[in-house]
Amino acid sequence: MEEFDQSKKINTKWGQQYDVEQMLEHAIVHILRHRRQIKNALVNMKSSSIEKKIICNSLKINIFAS
């Protein structure tokens, strides 16, 4: 639920004002975006399958599924 009381807003380093719910949503989406970016980079990486599997296992990402 959006918080309208400005005293309960959080001022971010990048100039936005978020309430707790918005900040949590931003944090979750941020992690998911980076996970997608890492997965795409791994798919395009020119290293061996063994190296990719090691990285994927450590990040819990599966790029080998069909």
N, C-alpha and C. Protein backbone atom coordinates (compact mmCIF):
# COMPACT_ATOMS: atom_id res chain seq x y z
N MET A 1 0.84 -1.17 0.00
CA MET A 1 0.00 0.00 0.00
C MET A 1 0.90 1.24 0.00
N GLU A 2 0.61 2.16 -0.89
CA GLU A 2 1.45 3.35 -1.01
C GLU A 2 1.34 4.23 0.22
N GLU A 3 2.47 4.74 0.65
CA GLU A 3 2.54 5.62 1.82
C GLU A 3 2.54 7.08 1.33
N PHE A 4 1.59 7.87 1.80
CA PHE A 4 1.50 9.26 1.39
C PHE A 4 2.15 10.22 2.38
N ASP A 5 2.44 9.75 3.57
CA ASP A 5 3.10 10.57 4.59
C ASP A 5 4.57 10.72 4.21
N GLN A 6 4.98 11.93 3.83
CA GLN A 6 6.35 12.18 3.37
C GLN A 6 7.40 11.87 4.43
N SER A 7 7.03 11.94 5.69
CA SER A 7 8.00 11.65 6.76
C SER A 7 8.34 10.16 6.81
N LYS A 8 7.54 9.33 6.16
CA LYS A 8 7.79 7.88 6.14
C LYS A 8 8.42 7.42 4.84
N LYS A 9 8.75 8.37 3.95
CA LYS A 9 9.38 8.03 2.68
C LYS A 9 10.89 7.89 2.89
N ILE A 10 11.52 7.12 2.01
CA ILE A 10 12.96 6.90 2.05
C ILE A 10 13.58 7.66 0.89
N ASN A 11 14.55 8.50 1.17
CA ASN A 11 15.27 9.23 0.13
C ASN A 11 16.42 8.36 -0.35
N THR A 12 16.44 8.08 -1.65
CA THR A 12 17.48 7.22 -2.22
C THR A 12 18.67 8.04 -2.69
N LYS A 13 19.79 7.35 -2.95
CA LYS A 13 20.99 8.02 -3.47
C LYS A 13 20.76 8.56 -4.87
N TRP A 14 19.80 7.96 -5.60
CA TRP A 14 19.57 8.37 -6.99
C TRP A 14 18.43 9.39 -7.11
N GLY A 15 18.00 9.95 -5.98
CA GLY A 15 17.08 11.07 -6.01
C GLY A 15 15.59 10.75 -5.94
N GLN A 16 15.24 9.49 -5.82
CA GLN A 16 13.84 9.10 -5.72
C GLN A 16 13.40 9.07 -4.26
N GLN A 17 12.11 9.18 -4.03
CA GLN A 17 11.54 8.96 -2.71
C GLN A 17 10.65 7.74 -2.79
N TYR A 18 10.95 6.73 -1.99
CA TYR A 18 10.19 5.49 -1.99
C TYR A 18 9.63 5.23 -0.60
N ASP A 19 8.46 4.58 -0.56
CA ASP A 19 8.01 4.05 0.72
C ASP A 19 8.60 2.64 0.85
N VAL A 20 8.38 2.00 1.95
CA VAL A 20 9.00 0.69 2.21
C VAL A 20 8.60 -0.32 1.14
N GLU A 21 7.35 -0.36 0.76
CA GLU A 21 6.88 -1.32 -0.25
C GLU A 21 7.57 -1.08 -1.60
N GLN A 22 7.66 0.18 -2.00
CA GLN A 22 8.31 0.50 -3.27
C GLN A 22 9.79 0.13 -3.25
N MET A 23 10.45 0.36 -2.12
CA MET A 23 11.87 0.04 -1.99
C MET A 23 12.09 -1.48 -2.07
N LEU A 24 11.23 -2.25 -1.43
CA LEU A 24 11.33 -3.71 -1.48
C LEU A 24 11.10 -4.21 -2.90
N GLU A 25 10.10 -3.66 -3.57
CA GLU A 25 9.82 -4.05 -4.95
C GLU A 25 11.02 -3.72 -5.84
N HIS A 26 11.59 -2.55 -5.67
CA HIS A 26 12.76 -2.14 -6.46
C HIS A 26 13.92 -3.11 -6.24
N ALA A 27 14.15 -3.48 -5.00
CA ALA A 27 15.26 -4.38 -4.67
C ALA A 27 15.08 -5.75 -5.32
N ILE A 28 13.87 -6.28 -5.29
CA ILE A 28 13.59 -7.60 -5.88
C ILE A 28 13.75 -7.55 -7.39
N VAL A 29 13.18 -6.55 -8.03
CA VAL A 29 13.26 -6.44 -9.48
C VAL A 29 14.72 -6.22 -9.91
N HIS A 30 15.47 -5.46 -9.13
CA HIS A 30 16.87 -5.20 -9.43
C HIS A 30 17.67 -6.51 -9.48
N ILE A 31 17.47 -7.36 -8.50
CA ILE A 31 18.15 -8.65 -8.46
C ILE A 31 17.75 -9.52 -9.64
N LEU A 32 16.46 -9.57 -9.95
CA LEU A 32 15.99 -10.38 -11.07
C LEU A 32 16.56 -9.89 -12.40
N ARG A 33 16.67 -8.57 -12.55
CA ARG A 33 17.23 -8.02 -13.79
C ARG A 33 18.69 -8.43 -13.94
N HIS A 34 19.46 -8.32 -12.84
CA HIS A 34 20.87 -8.71 -12.92
C HIS A 34 21.02 -10.20 -13.17
N ARG A 35 20.15 -11.00 -12.60
CA ARG A 35 20.19 -12.44 -12.85
C ARG A 35 19.97 -12.74 -14.33
N ARG A 36 19.01 -12.04 -14.94
CA ARG A 36 18.74 -12.21 -16.37
C ARG A 36 19.93 -11.76 -17.21
N GLN A 37 20.54 -10.65 -16.81
CA GLN A 37 21.71 -10.15 -17.54
C GLN A 37 22.87 -11.14 -17.46
N ILE A 38 23.09 -11.72 -16.30
CA ILE A 38 24.17 -12.71 -16.13
C ILE A 38 23.88 -13.93 -16.97
N LYS A 39 22.63 -14.39 -16.96
CA LYS A 39 22.26 -15.56 -17.76
C LYS A 39 22.50 -15.30 -19.24
N ASN A 40 22.10 -14.14 -19.74
CA ASN A 40 22.31 -13.81 -21.14
C ASN A 40 23.80 -13.73 -21.47
N ALA A 41 24.59 -13.19 -20.57
CA ALA A 41 26.03 -13.10 -20.80
C ALA A 41 26.65 -14.49 -20.86
N LEU A 42 26.19 -15.39 -19.99
CA LEU A 42 26.72 -16.76 -19.99
C LEU A 42 26.38 -17.48 -21.29
N VAL A 43 25.18 -17.27 -21.78
CA VAL A 43 24.77 -17.92 -23.03
C VAL A 43 25.69 -17.47 -24.17
N ASN A 44 26.06 -16.20 -24.16
CA ASN A 44 26.89 -15.64 -25.23
C ASN A 44 28.39 -15.77 -24.99
N MET A 45 28.76 -16.28 -23.82
CA MET A 45 30.17 -16.40 -23.45
C MET A 45 30.88 -17.43 -24.32
N LYS A 46 32.13 -17.19 -24.65
CA LYS A 46 32.88 -18.09 -25.51
C LYS A 46 33.73 -19.08 -24.73
N SER A 47 33.47 -19.25 -23.45
CA SER A 47 34.25 -20.21 -22.67
C SER A 47 33.64 -21.60 -22.80
N SER A 48 34.34 -22.57 -22.26
CA SER A 48 33.91 -23.96 -22.39
C SER A 48 32.63 -24.23 -21.60
N SER A 49 31.97 -25.32 -21.94
CA SER A 49 30.74 -25.72 -21.24
C SER A 49 31.03 -26.01 -19.77
N ILE A 50 32.19 -26.55 -19.48
CA ILE A 50 32.54 -26.86 -18.08
C ILE A 50 32.62 -25.57 -17.27
N GLU A 51 33.28 -24.55 -17.83
CA GLU A 51 33.36 -23.26 -17.13
C GLU A 51 31.97 -22.66 -16.92
N LYS A 52 31.13 -22.72 -17.94
CA LYS A 52 29.76 -22.20 -17.83
C LYS A 52 28.98 -22.96 -16.76
N LYS A 53 29.14 -24.28 -16.73
CA LYS A 53 28.41 -25.08 -15.74
C LYS A 53 28.84 -24.72 -14.33
N ILE A 54 30.12 -24.48 -14.11
CA ILE A 54 30.61 -24.09 -12.79
C ILE A 54 29.98 -22.77 -12.36
N ILE A 55 29.98 -21.80 -13.27
CA ILE A 55 29.40 -20.48 -12.97
C ILE A 55 27.90 -20.62 -12.72
N CYS A 56 27.21 -21.35 -13.59
CA CYS A 56 25.76 -21.53 -13.45
C CYS A 56 25.40 -22.21 -12.14
N ASN A 57 26.15 -23.22 -11.78
CA ASN A 57 25.87 -23.93 -10.52
C ASN A 57 26.04 -23.00 -9.33
N SER A 58 27.06 -22.16 -9.35
CA SER A 58 27.30 -21.27 -8.22
C SER A 58 26.21 -20.20 -8.12
N LEU A 59 25.63 -19.81 -9.27
CA LEU A 59 24.58 -18.78 -9.26
C LEU A 59 23.17 -19.35 -9.32
N LYS A 60 23.07 -20.68 -9.37
CA LYS A 60 21.76 -21.36 -9.45
C LYS A 60 20.99 -20.92 -10.70
N ILE A 61 21.70 -20.85 -11.84
CA ILE A 61 21.12 -20.47 -13.12
C ILE A 61 21.26 -21.65 -14.06
N ASN A 62 20.20 -21.99 -14.79
CA ASN A 62 20.27 -23.08 -15.75
C ASN A 62 20.14 -22.52 -17.17
N ILE A 63 21.25 -22.59 -17.92
CA ILE A 63 21.21 -22.13 -19.31
C ILE A 63 21.22 -23.32 -20.27
N PHE A 64 21.23 -24.53 -19.72
CA PHE A 64 21.35 -25.72 -20.54
C PHE A 64 20.01 -26.41 -20.80
N ALA A 65 18.94 -25.88 -20.20
CA ALA A 65 17.62 -26.46 -20.42
C ALA A 65 17.12 -26.10 -21.80
N SER A 66 16.39 -27.01 -22.39
CA SER A 66 15.87 -26.73 -23.75
C SER A 66 14.56 -26.01 -23.70
